[in-house]
Amino acid sequence: MDFDSKQKVLVAIYMEYQKDIPDMEQITAASVGMEKKVFLTSLEKLENESLIRGIKFIRGGGETLMAHMVHTMMTPYGLNYVENKLNIQPEKSGLEKMKDISQKTAAWGWNEAKDFAAKVVSEIIQSQANK
């Protein structure tokens, strides 16, 4: 399955969103394997298309310099988009969704997503063990 830059960023945000307490600042250009300008443009497009909300962009000199993602959240439309794209059942738990994504991204050869998914699965398991 092929993903454009915007979809890669959205899937990364979706994965982080599955945690009980997401830390959206973990989503960076490096973590999704792309250049900073491409990453920032993807974030702007995702917010413009109402797939995510809550990003604070820092602009200067006619361009976007950085994005603060502390309060970034998926919109219902964004959740539905990713779940349809990846064929994920919405009623599954966050851990079940992440296991599905981890298997799928490994099969597609998308290494950054596979590594990020494994990290999120580990953090979800650890969080549930501490309850």
N, C-alpha and C. Protein backbone atom coordinates (compact mmCIF):
# COMPACT_ATOMS: atom_id res chain seq x y z
N MET A 1 0.85 -1.17 0.00
CA MET A 1 0.00 0.00 0.00
C MET A 1 0.90 1.23 0.00
N ASP A 2 0.55 2.20 -0.81
CA ASP A 2 1.32 3.43 -0.90
C ASP A 2 0.67 4.54 -0.07
N PHE A 3 1.51 5.33 0.56
CA PHE A 3 1.06 6.46 1.36
C PHE A 3 1.81 7.69 0.91
N ASP A 4 1.10 8.80 0.79
CA ASP A 4 1.79 10.06 0.53
C ASP A 4 2.23 10.64 1.87
N SER A 5 2.96 11.73 1.83
CA SER A 5 3.51 12.32 3.06
C SER A 5 2.42 12.69 4.06
N LYS A 6 1.37 13.26 3.57
CA LYS A 6 0.26 13.68 4.43
C LYS A 6 -0.35 12.46 5.15
N GLN A 7 -0.53 11.38 4.43
CA GLN A 7 -1.11 10.18 5.03
C GLN A 7 -0.16 9.56 6.06
N LYS A 8 1.14 9.60 5.80
CA LYS A 8 2.10 9.07 6.76
C LYS A 8 2.04 9.84 8.07
N VAL A 9 1.96 11.15 7.98
CA VAL A 9 1.87 11.97 9.19
C VAL A 9 0.57 11.68 9.93
N LEU A 10 -0.52 11.55 9.21
CA LEU A 10 -1.81 11.27 9.83
C LEU A 10 -1.81 9.92 10.53
N VAL A 11 -1.23 8.91 9.91
CA VAL A 11 -1.17 7.59 10.53
C VAL A 11 -0.31 7.64 11.79
N ALA A 12 0.78 8.38 11.76
CA ALA A 12 1.63 8.52 12.96
C ALA A 12 0.85 9.19 14.09
N ILE A 13 0.08 10.22 13.78
CA ILE A 13 -0.75 10.89 14.79
C ILE A 13 -1.80 9.92 15.32
N TYR A 14 -2.40 9.15 14.43
CA TYR A 14 -3.40 8.15 14.83
C TYR A 14 -2.79 7.15 15.81
N MET A 15 -1.59 6.69 15.51
CA MET A 15 -0.94 5.72 16.40
C MET A 15 -0.71 6.31 17.78
N GLU A 16 -0.20 7.52 17.85
CA GLU A 16 0.04 8.16 19.14
C GLU A 16 -1.28 8.39 19.87
N TYR A 17 -2.33 8.68 19.14
CA TYR A 17 -3.66 8.95 19.70
C TYR A 17 -4.22 7.73 20.44
N GLN A 18 -3.74 6.53 20.11
CA GLN A 18 -4.26 5.31 20.72
C GLN A 18 -3.84 5.15 22.18
N LYS A 19 -2.83 5.89 22.61
CA LYS A 19 -2.38 5.80 24.00
C LYS A 19 -3.39 6.48 24.92
N ASP A 20 -3.41 6.06 26.18
CA ASP A 20 -4.29 6.70 27.17
C ASP A 20 -3.95 8.18 27.31
N ILE A 21 -2.66 8.50 27.32
CA ILE A 21 -2.21 9.89 27.39
C ILE A 21 -1.24 10.11 26.24
N PRO A 22 -1.75 10.54 25.09
CA PRO A 22 -0.87 10.74 23.93
C PRO A 22 0.10 11.90 24.14
N ASP A 23 1.28 11.76 23.58
CA ASP A 23 2.29 12.83 23.59
C ASP A 23 2.58 13.15 22.13
N MET A 24 1.78 14.04 21.58
CA MET A 24 1.87 14.32 20.15
C MET A 24 3.20 14.95 19.74
N GLU A 25 3.95 15.46 20.71
CA GLU A 25 5.26 16.02 20.36
C GLU A 25 6.26 14.93 19.99
N GLN A 26 5.89 13.66 20.16
CA GLN A 26 6.71 12.54 19.71
C GLN A 26 6.67 12.41 18.18
N ILE A 27 5.66 13.04 17.57
CA ILE A 27 5.52 13.00 16.11
C ILE A 27 6.38 14.12 15.54
N THR A 28 7.44 13.75 14.87
CA THR A 28 8.36 14.73 14.29
C THR A 28 8.67 14.34 12.85
N ALA A 29 9.31 15.24 12.14
CA ALA A 29 9.73 14.92 10.77
C ALA A 29 10.61 13.68 10.78
N ALA A 30 11.53 13.61 11.72
CA ALA A 30 12.44 12.46 11.79
C ALA A 30 11.70 11.17 12.11
N SER A 31 10.70 11.24 13.01
CA SER A 31 10.00 10.01 13.41
C SER A 31 9.16 9.41 12.28
N VAL A 32 8.76 10.24 11.32
CA VAL A 32 8.01 9.72 10.17
C VAL A 32 8.88 9.62 8.92
N GLY A 33 10.15 9.99 9.04
CA GLY A 33 11.10 9.81 7.95
C GLY A 33 10.94 10.76 6.79
N MET A 34 10.79 12.06 7.10
CA MET A 34 10.67 13.03 6.01
C MET A 34 11.34 14.35 6.38
N GLU A 35 11.54 15.18 5.38
CA GLU A 35 12.14 16.49 5.60
C GLU A 35 11.17 17.38 6.38
N LYS A 36 11.73 18.31 7.14
CA LYS A 36 10.94 19.19 8.00
C LYS A 36 9.90 19.98 7.21
N LYS A 37 10.28 20.53 6.06
CA LYS A 37 9.34 21.34 5.28
C LYS A 37 8.17 20.49 4.79
N VAL A 38 8.44 19.28 4.36
CA VAL A 38 7.37 18.36 3.90
C VAL A 38 6.46 18.02 5.07
N PHE A 39 7.06 17.75 6.23
CA PHE A 39 6.30 17.43 7.44
C PHE A 39 5.38 18.59 7.83
N LEU A 40 5.92 19.80 7.89
CA LEU A 40 5.11 20.96 8.28
C LEU A 40 3.99 21.22 7.27
N THR A 41 4.28 21.09 5.99
CA THR A 41 3.25 21.27 4.97
C THR A 41 2.16 20.21 5.11
N SER A 42 2.56 18.99 5.42
CA SER A 42 1.58 17.91 5.64
C SER A 42 0.67 18.24 6.81
N LEU A 43 1.24 18.75 7.91
CA LEU A 43 0.43 19.14 9.07
C LEU A 43 -0.57 20.24 8.70
N GLU A 44 -0.11 21.23 7.94
CA GLU A 44 -1.00 22.31 7.52
C GLU A 44 -2.15 21.77 6.68
N LYS A 45 -1.86 20.87 5.78
CA LYS A 45 -2.90 20.27 4.94
C LYS A 45 -3.89 19.46 5.77
N LEU A 46 -3.37 18.66 6.71
CA LEU A 46 -4.25 17.85 7.55
C LEU A 46 -5.19 18.71 8.38
N GLU A 47 -4.67 19.80 8.91
CA GLU A 47 -5.53 20.70 9.68
C GLU A 47 -6.54 21.40 8.76
N ASN A 48 -6.08 21.83 7.61
CA ASN A 48 -6.97 22.49 6.65
C ASN A 48 -8.10 21.57 6.20
N GLU A 49 -7.83 20.28 6.10
CA GLU A 49 -8.83 19.30 5.65
C GLU A 49 -9.65 18.73 6.81
N SER A 50 -9.47 19.30 8.01
CA SER A 50 -10.22 18.92 9.21
C SER A 50 -10.00 17.47 9.64
N LEU A 51 -8.81 16.94 9.38
CA LEU A 51 -8.47 15.59 9.82
C LEU A 51 -7.84 15.61 11.22
N ILE A 52 -7.22 16.75 11.56
CA ILE A 52 -6.65 16.97 12.89
C ILE A 52 -6.98 18.40 13.32
N ARG A 53 -6.80 18.66 14.62
CA ARG A 53 -7.01 20.01 15.13
C ARG A 53 -6.06 20.27 16.29
N GLY A 54 -5.88 21.54 16.62
CA GLY A 54 -5.15 21.92 17.81
C GLY A 54 -3.67 22.23 17.62
N ILE A 55 -3.19 22.26 16.40
CA ILE A 55 -1.78 22.58 16.17
C ILE A 55 -1.59 24.09 16.22
N LYS A 56 -0.50 24.51 16.80
CA LYS A 56 -0.11 25.93 16.80
C LYS A 56 1.11 26.06 15.89
N PHE A 57 0.94 26.77 14.78
CA PHE A 57 2.03 26.97 13.83
C PHE A 57 2.76 28.27 14.15
N ILE A 58 4.08 28.22 14.04
CA ILE A 58 4.91 29.42 14.17
C ILE A 58 5.37 29.77 12.77
N ARG A 59 5.01 30.98 12.34
CA ARG A 59 5.34 31.40 10.98
C ARG A 59 6.22 32.64 11.01
N GLY A 60 7.03 32.76 9.98
CA GLY A 60 7.88 33.94 9.84
C GLY A 60 8.51 33.95 8.47
N GLY A 61 8.72 35.13 7.94
CA GLY A 61 9.34 35.24 6.63
C GLY A 61 8.54 34.58 5.53
N GLY A 62 7.23 34.53 5.71
CA GLY A 62 6.37 33.96 4.67
C GLY A 62 6.32 32.44 4.65
N GLU A 63 6.84 31.79 5.69
CA GLU A 63 6.79 30.33 5.70
C GLU A 63 6.54 29.81 7.11
N THR A 64 6.17 28.56 7.19
CA THR A 64 5.95 27.92 8.48
C THR A 64 7.30 27.44 9.01
N LEU A 65 7.64 27.86 10.21
CA LEU A 65 8.94 27.53 10.79
C LEU A 65 8.88 26.31 11.71
N MET A 66 7.77 26.17 12.44
CA MET A 66 7.62 25.03 13.34
C MET A 66 6.16 24.85 13.72
N ALA A 67 5.88 23.71 14.33
CA ALA A 67 4.52 23.41 14.78
C ALA A 67 4.59 22.86 16.20
N HIS A 68 3.79 23.45 17.08
CA HIS A 68 3.65 22.92 18.44
C HIS A 68 2.45 21.99 18.43
N MET A 69 2.68 20.74 18.77
CA MET A 69 1.64 19.72 18.65
C MET A 69 1.09 19.25 19.99
N VAL A 70 1.38 19.97 21.06
CA VAL A 70 0.98 19.55 22.40
C VAL A 70 -0.51 19.25 22.47
N HIS A 71 -1.34 20.08 21.85
CA HIS A 71 -2.79 19.93 21.95
C HIS A 71 -3.41 19.34 20.68
N THR A 72 -2.60 18.71 19.86
CA THR A 72 -3.11 18.12 18.61
C THR A 72 -3.98 16.91 18.91
N MET A 73 -5.10 16.84 18.23
CA MET A 73 -6.03 15.72 18.38
C MET A 73 -6.54 15.33 17.00
N MET A 74 -6.90 14.07 16.88
CA MET A 74 -7.58 13.59 15.68
C MET A 74 -9.02 14.10 15.73
N THR A 75 -9.58 14.41 14.60
CA THR A 75 -11.01 14.71 14.53
C THR A 75 -11.74 13.39 14.25
N PRO A 76 -13.05 13.34 14.49
CA PRO A 76 -13.78 12.13 14.13
C PRO A 76 -13.59 11.76 12.65
N TYR A 77 -13.54 12.78 11.79
CA TYR A 77 -13.32 12.54 10.37
C TYR A 77 -11.94 11.94 10.13
N GLY A 78 -10.93 12.42 10.85
CA GLY A 78 -9.58 11.89 10.73
C GLY A 78 -9.49 10.45 11.20
N LEU A 79 -10.14 10.14 12.33
CA LEU A 79 -10.16 8.77 12.83
C LEU A 79 -10.79 7.83 11.80
N ASN A 80 -11.92 8.24 11.27
CA ASN A 80 -12.63 7.43 10.28
C ASN A 80 -11.78 7.23 9.03
N TYR A 81 -11.10 8.29 8.60
CA TYR A 81 -10.26 8.22 7.41
C TYR A 81 -9.17 7.16 7.57
N VAL A 82 -8.45 7.21 8.70
CA VAL A 82 -7.35 6.26 8.93
C VAL A 82 -7.89 4.84 9.06
N GLU A 83 -8.96 4.68 9.82
CA GLU A 83 -9.50 3.33 10.02
C GLU A 83 -10.00 2.72 8.72
N ASN A 84 -10.58 3.53 7.85
CA ASN A 84 -10.98 3.03 6.53
C ASN A 84 -9.77 2.71 5.66
N LYS A 85 -8.79 3.59 5.65
CA LYS A 85 -7.59 3.42 4.83
C LYS A 85 -6.83 2.15 5.22
N LEU A 86 -6.74 1.90 6.54
CA LEU A 86 -5.98 0.76 7.04
C LEU A 86 -6.85 -0.46 7.33
N ASN A 87 -8.14 -0.34 7.07
CA ASN A 87 -9.09 -1.43 7.30
C ASN A 87 -9.02 -1.91 8.76
N ILE A 88 -9.20 -0.96 9.67
CA ILE A 88 -9.18 -1.23 11.11
C ILE A 88 -10.59 -1.10 11.65
N GLN A 89 -10.99 -2.06 12.46
CA GLN A 89 -12.32 -2.00 13.06
C GLN A 89 -12.31 -0.99 14.20
N PRO A 90 -13.18 0.02 14.13
CA PRO A 90 -13.15 1.10 15.13
C PRO A 90 -13.47 0.64 16.55
N GLU A 91 -14.18 -0.48 16.70
CA GLU A 91 -14.55 -0.92 18.05
C GLU A 91 -13.42 -1.64 18.78
N LYS A 92 -12.30 -1.89 18.12
CA LYS A 92 -11.17 -2.53 18.78
C LYS A 92 -10.54 -1.57 19.79
N SER A 93 -9.83 -2.15 20.76
CA SER A 93 -9.11 -1.32 21.73
C SER A 93 -7.89 -0.69 21.06
N GLY A 94 -7.32 0.31 21.72
CA GLY A 94 -6.12 0.94 21.18
C GLY A 94 -5.00 -0.05 20.97
N LEU A 95 -4.83 -0.98 21.91
CA LEU A 95 -3.78 -1.99 21.79
C LEU A 95 -4.03 -2.91 20.60
N GLU A 96 -5.27 -3.34 20.42
CA GLU A 96 -5.60 -4.20 19.28
C GLU A 96 -5.37 -3.47 17.96
N LYS A 97 -5.75 -2.20 17.91
CA LYS A 97 -5.53 -1.41 16.70
C LYS A 97 -4.05 -1.29 16.40
N MET A 98 -3.25 -1.04 17.44
CA MET A 98 -1.82 -0.88 17.24
C MET A 98 -1.15 -2.18 16.79
N LYS A 99 -1.61 -3.30 17.31
CA LYS A 99 -1.05 -4.59 16.86
C LYS A 99 -1.36 -4.80 15.38
N ASP A 100 -2.57 -4.46 14.96
CA ASP A 100 -2.94 -4.55 13.54
C ASP A 100 -2.04 -3.67 12.68
N ILE A 101 -1.87 -2.42 13.11
CA ILE A 101 -1.06 -1.47 12.35
C ILE A 101 0.39 -1.95 12.28
N SER A 102 0.90 -2.45 13.39
CA SER A 102 2.28 -2.92 13.43
C SER A 102 2.50 -4.04 12.41
N GLN A 103 1.58 -4.97 12.35
CA GLN A 103 1.69 -6.08 11.39
C GLN A 103 1.58 -5.57 9.95
N LYS A 104 0.66 -4.67 9.71
CA LYS A 104 0.44 -4.17 8.35
C LYS A 104 1.62 -3.34 7.87
N THR A 105 2.14 -2.46 8.71
CA THR A 105 3.25 -1.61 8.28
C THR A 105 4.51 -2.43 8.04
N ALA A 106 4.70 -3.49 8.83
CA ALA A 106 5.85 -4.38 8.60
C ALA A 106 5.71 -5.06 7.24
N ALA A 107 4.51 -5.51 6.92
CA ALA A 107 4.28 -6.17 5.63
C ALA A 107 4.48 -5.22 4.45
N TRP A 108 4.18 -3.93 4.67
CA TRP A 108 4.33 -2.94 3.60
C TRP A 108 5.76 -2.45 3.48
N GLY A 109 6.61 -2.77 4.46
CA GLY A 109 7.99 -2.31 4.42
C GLY A 109 8.17 -0.85 4.82
N TRP A 110 7.20 -0.31 5.54
CA TRP A 110 7.27 1.08 5.99
C TRP A 110 7.93 1.09 7.37
N ASN A 111 9.25 1.16 7.38
CA ASN A 111 10.04 0.95 8.59
C ASN A 111 9.78 1.96 9.69
N GLU A 112 9.66 3.25 9.33
CA GLU A 112 9.43 4.26 10.36
C GLU A 112 8.12 4.00 11.10
N ALA A 113 7.09 3.65 10.37
CA ALA A 113 5.79 3.37 10.99
C ALA A 113 5.84 2.09 11.81
N LYS A 114 6.53 1.09 11.30
CA LYS A 114 6.66 -0.18 12.02
C LYS A 114 7.36 0.06 13.36
N ASP A 115 8.45 0.82 13.34
CA ASP A 115 9.19 1.12 14.57
C ASP A 115 8.35 1.95 15.54
N PHE A 116 7.66 2.95 15.02
CA PHE A 116 6.82 3.80 15.86
C PHE A 116 5.67 2.99 16.45
N ALA A 117 5.07 2.11 15.65
CA ALA A 117 3.97 1.27 16.13
C ALA A 117 4.44 0.36 17.26
N ALA A 118 5.62 -0.23 17.10
CA ALA A 118 6.15 -1.11 18.14
C ALA A 118 6.36 -0.34 19.44
N LYS A 119 6.85 0.89 19.34
CA LYS A 119 7.06 1.74 20.52
C LYS A 119 5.73 2.05 21.20
N VAL A 120 4.72 2.39 20.42
CA VAL A 120 3.41 2.71 21.00
C VAL A 120 2.79 1.48 21.65
N VAL A 121 2.89 0.31 21.00
CA VAL A 121 2.35 -0.92 21.59
C VAL A 121 3.01 -1.16 22.94
N SER A 122 4.32 -1.03 23.00
CA SER A 122 5.05 -1.22 24.25
C SER A 122 4.56 -0.25 25.33
N GLU A 123 4.37 1.01 24.96
CA GLU A 123 3.92 2.02 25.93
C GLU A 123 2.49 1.75 26.39
N ILE A 124 1.64 1.28 25.52
CA ILE A 124 0.26 0.96 25.91
C ILE A 124 0.26 -0.22 26.88
N ILE A 125 1.05 -1.25 26.58
CA ILE A 125 1.11 -2.42 27.46
C ILE A 125 1.64 -2.00 28.84
N GLN A 126 2.68 -1.19 28.85
CA GLN A 126 3.26 -0.73 30.12
C GLN A 126 2.24 0.10 30.90
N SER A 127 1.51 0.96 30.22
CA SER A 127 0.49 1.80 30.87
C SER A 127 -0.60 0.94 31.49
N GLN A 128 -1.03 -0.10 30.77
CA GLN A 128 -2.09 -0.96 31.28
C GLN A 128 -1.62 -1.82 32.45
N ALA A 129 -0.34 -2.17 32.46
CA ALA A 129 0.21 -2.96 33.55
C ALA A 129 0.31 -2.16 34.84
N ASN A 130 0.43 -0.83 34.69
CA ASN A 130 0.56 0.05 35.86
C ASN A 130 -0.78 0.45 36.46
N LYS A 131 -1.87 0.00 35.89
CA LYS A 131 -3.19 0.38 36.40
C LYS A 131 -3.62 -0.51 37.54
